[in-house]
């Protein structure tokens, strides 16, 4: 079972692609869904169930006050002993010291990290020498130029028509 944390645009896209590969995929979302989805969704009050049910957890969390160090010692100890944490969201979501301690105490626990608290990752960082951690160079997603150009063109046409730019960013949420 692969648990996806953060079911925004990217999270939903990733979840549905993985589901098409015949994996059992579940999701964790901070607030209620306004639409139905093909996934079993967990929310704040069922975070522990989500963690315990997942063999792999993929974090696609944004960088906000509520997500800083979201994946900490308490979170990690609820994960299965033989499991994988993947972080392709924001580095601030993972407490790096807690992750190193957790892996040291759980030799069958693995992490694949694309983002870090400080980038580029310092050459002397303990992640580099840990055999249970795979590091990728912040390339989890590659921009699709055709869809980006189409999106920008659509936004430009909307602006020409309405003379207003509607932001995709919700300032209150921080992303």
Protein backbone atom coordinates (compact mmCIF):
# COMPACT_ATOMS: atom_id res chain seq x y z
CA UNK A 1 0.00 0.00 0.00
CA UNK A 2 1.39 3.35 -1.08
CA UNK A 3 0.23 6.35 0.94
CA UNK A 4 0.35 9.76 -0.70
CA UNK A 5 0.51 12.74 1.68
CA UNK A 6 -0.59 15.95 0.03
CA UNK A 7 -3.35 15.48 -2.51
CA UNK A 8 -3.12 18.76 -4.34
CA UNK A 9 -2.67 18.88 -8.10
CA UNK A 10 0.66 17.00 -8.09
CA UNK A 11 -0.34 14.57 -5.35
CA UNK A 12 -3.53 13.51 -7.16
CA UNK A 13 -1.60 13.12 -10.41
CA UNK A 14 1.04 10.91 -8.75
CA UNK A 15 -1.57 8.86 -6.87
CA UNK A 16 -3.59 8.10 -10.00
CA UNK A 17 -0.49 7.19 -12.04
CA UNK A 18 0.65 4.75 -9.33
CA UNK A 19 -2.87 3.33 -9.03
CA UNK A 20 -2.84 2.59 -12.78
CA UNK A 21 0.19 0.38 -12.12
CA UNK A 22 -2.10 -1.82 -9.95
CA UNK A 23 -0.80 -0.68 -6.56
CA UNK A 24 -3.13 -0.09 -3.65
CA UNK A 25 -2.95 3.69 -3.18
CA UNK A 26 -4.39 5.70 -0.30
CA UNK A 27 -4.22 9.40 0.39
CA UNK A 28 -3.86 11.84 3.27
CA UNK A 29 -5.37 15.29 2.95
CA UNK A 30 -5.52 18.12 5.47
CA UNK A 31 -9.11 19.08 4.70
CA UNK A 32 -12.28 17.55 3.34
CA UNK A 33 -12.46 16.68 -0.32
CA UNK A 34 -15.07 18.55 -2.31
CA UNK A 35 -15.25 15.81 -4.95
CA UNK A 36 -15.27 12.06 -4.86
CA UNK A 37 -12.08 10.26 -5.74
CA UNK A 38 -10.94 6.78 -6.67
CA UNK A 39 -8.75 6.66 -3.55
CA UNK A 40 -9.39 5.92 0.09
CA UNK A 41 -8.72 9.27 1.76
CA UNK A 42 -7.60 9.85 5.34
CA UNK A 43 -7.74 13.19 7.13
CA UNK A 44 -6.28 14.79 10.29
CA UNK A 45 -8.20 12.65 12.75
CA UNK A 46 -7.17 9.44 10.96
CA UNK A 47 -3.47 10.17 10.35
CA UNK A 48 -2.37 7.23 12.53
CA UNK A 49 -4.52 4.81 10.48
CA UNK A 50 -3.04 6.21 7.28
CA UNK A 51 0.54 5.74 8.55
CA UNK A 52 -0.07 2.21 9.87
CA UNK A 53 -1.75 1.11 6.64
CA UNK A 54 1.06 2.37 4.35
CA UNK A 55 4.07 0.30 3.29
CA UNK A 56 5.45 3.30 1.41
CA UNK A 57 4.69 6.93 2.25
CA UNK A 58 5.24 9.56 -0.42
CA UNK A 59 5.31 13.08 0.97
CA UNK A 60 4.27 15.82 -1.44
CA UNK A 61 3.61 18.31 1.35
CA UNK A 62 4.11 22.06 0.81
CA UNK A 63 6.26 24.28 3.03
CA UNK A 64 3.90 25.86 5.57
CA UNK A 65 3.87 26.45 9.32
CA UNK A 66 1.67 23.35 9.73
CA UNK A 67 3.91 21.07 7.65
CA UNK A 68 7.33 22.02 9.09
CA UNK A 69 8.78 18.88 10.69
CA UNK A 70 5.48 17.07 10.07
CA UNK A 71 7.49 13.89 9.54
CA UNK A 72 9.24 13.71 12.89
CA UNK A 73 10.22 11.04 15.44
CA UNK A 74 6.60 10.53 16.48
CA UNK A 75 5.44 10.11 12.87
CA UNK A 76 8.34 7.81 11.94
CA UNK A 77 7.87 5.44 14.89
CA UNK A 78 4.27 4.82 13.71
CA UNK A 79 5.51 3.68 10.29
CA UNK A 80 6.09 -0.01 9.64
CA UNK A 81 9.59 -1.24 10.54
CA UNK A 82 10.19 -2.36 6.95
CA UNK A 83 8.95 0.57 4.97
CA UNK A 84 10.02 3.39 2.70
CA UNK A 85 9.61 7.14 3.06
CA UNK A 86 9.81 9.15 -0.16
CA UNK A 87 9.95 12.94 0.02
CA UNK A 88 9.36 14.83 -3.22
CA UNK A 89 7.47 17.74 -1.67
CA UNK A 90 9.40 20.20 0.46
CA UNK A 91 12.45 19.43 2.56
CA UNK A 92 11.05 21.28 5.56
CA UNK A 93 8.38 18.59 6.03
CA UNK A 94 11.01 16.10 7.28
CA UNK A 95 12.91 16.49 10.53
CA UNK A 96 16.28 15.31 9.22
CA UNK A 97 17.82 14.54 12.63
CA UNK A 98 14.79 12.44 13.60
CA UNK A 99 15.03 10.56 10.29
CA UNK A 100 18.71 9.73 10.81
CA UNK A 101 18.03 8.47 14.35
CA UNK A 102 15.04 6.44 13.14
CA UNK A 103 17.03 4.73 10.40
CA UNK A 104 19.88 4.00 12.82
CA UNK A 105 17.41 2.19 15.12
CA UNK A 106 15.48 0.51 12.28
CA UNK A 107 17.85 -1.15 9.77
CA UNK A 108 14.97 -2.22 7.47
CA UNK A 109 13.66 1.32 7.09
CA UNK A 110 14.58 3.24 3.95
CA UNK A 111 14.19 6.77 2.65
CA UNK A 112 14.40 8.24 -0.83
CA UNK A 113 14.83 11.99 -0.67
CA UNK A 114 14.65 14.52 -3.49
CA UNK A 115 14.41 17.63 -1.31
CA UNK A 116 16.14 18.80 1.85
CA UNK A 117 15.95 21.46 4.54
CA UNK A 118 18.96 23.18 3.00
CA UNK A 119 19.86 22.81 -0.64
CA UNK A 120 22.22 21.91 -2.02
CA UNK A 121 22.79 19.22 0.56
CA UNK A 122 26.06 19.86 2.41
CA UNK A 123 28.88 17.47 1.38
CA UNK A 124 29.35 16.40 5.00
CA UNK A 125 25.63 15.70 5.63
CA UNK A 126 24.99 12.28 7.20
CA UNK A 127 22.49 11.39 4.46
CA UNK A 128 25.34 10.90 1.97
CA UNK A 129 26.94 8.04 3.89
CA UNK A 130 23.74 6.28 4.97
CA UNK A 131 23.17 3.10 2.93
CA UNK A 132 19.42 3.23 3.70
CA UNK A 133 18.97 6.64 2.10
CA UNK A 134 18.79 7.27 -1.62
CA UNK A 135 19.38 10.86 -2.68
CA UNK A 136 18.15 12.36 -5.92
CA UNK A 137 19.11 15.88 -7.07
CA UNK A 138 15.74 17.67 -6.76
CA UNK A 139 14.48 16.23 -10.04
CA UNK A 140 11.37 14.32 -8.95
CA UNK A 141 9.30 16.23 -11.49
CA UNK A 142 10.40 17.47 -14.86
CA UNK A 143 8.48 20.38 -16.34
CA UNK A 144 6.46 19.37 -19.37
CA UNK A 145 7.05 22.32 -21.68
CA UNK A 146 4.01 21.74 -23.91
CA UNK A 147 1.53 21.68 -21.04
CA UNK A 148 3.28 24.66 -19.39
CA UNK A 149 3.03 26.73 -22.57
CA UNK A 150 -0.62 25.74 -23.02
CA UNK A 151 -1.35 26.71 -19.42
CA UNK A 152 0.39 30.09 -19.76
CA UNK A 153 -1.42 30.77 -23.02
CA UNK A 154 -4.79 29.98 -21.40
CA UNK A 155 -3.96 32.29 -18.48
CA UNK A 156 -2.96 35.04 -20.93
CA UNK A 157 -6.23 34.68 -22.87
CA UNK A 158 -8.19 34.84 -19.60
CA UNK A 159 -6.30 38.04 -18.73
CA UNK A 160 -7.04 39.57 -22.14
CA UNK A 161 -10.73 38.80 -21.68
CA UNK A 162 -11.17 39.78 -18.00
CA UNK A 163 -8.23 42.17 -17.43
CA UNK A 164 -7.54 40.30 -14.17
CA UNK A 165 -5.03 37.70 -13.14
CA UNK A 166 -6.37 35.00 -10.85
CA UNK A 167 -3.58 33.56 -8.75
CA UNK A 168 -3.20 29.82 -8.23
CA UNK A 169 -1.64 30.58 -4.86
CA UNK A 170 -3.79 30.82 -1.74
CA UNK A 171 -1.96 33.35 0.44
CA UNK A 172 -3.79 32.15 3.57
CA UNK A 173 -2.60 28.56 3.04
CA UNK A 174 0.91 29.58 2.04
CA UNK A 175 1.03 27.71 -1.28
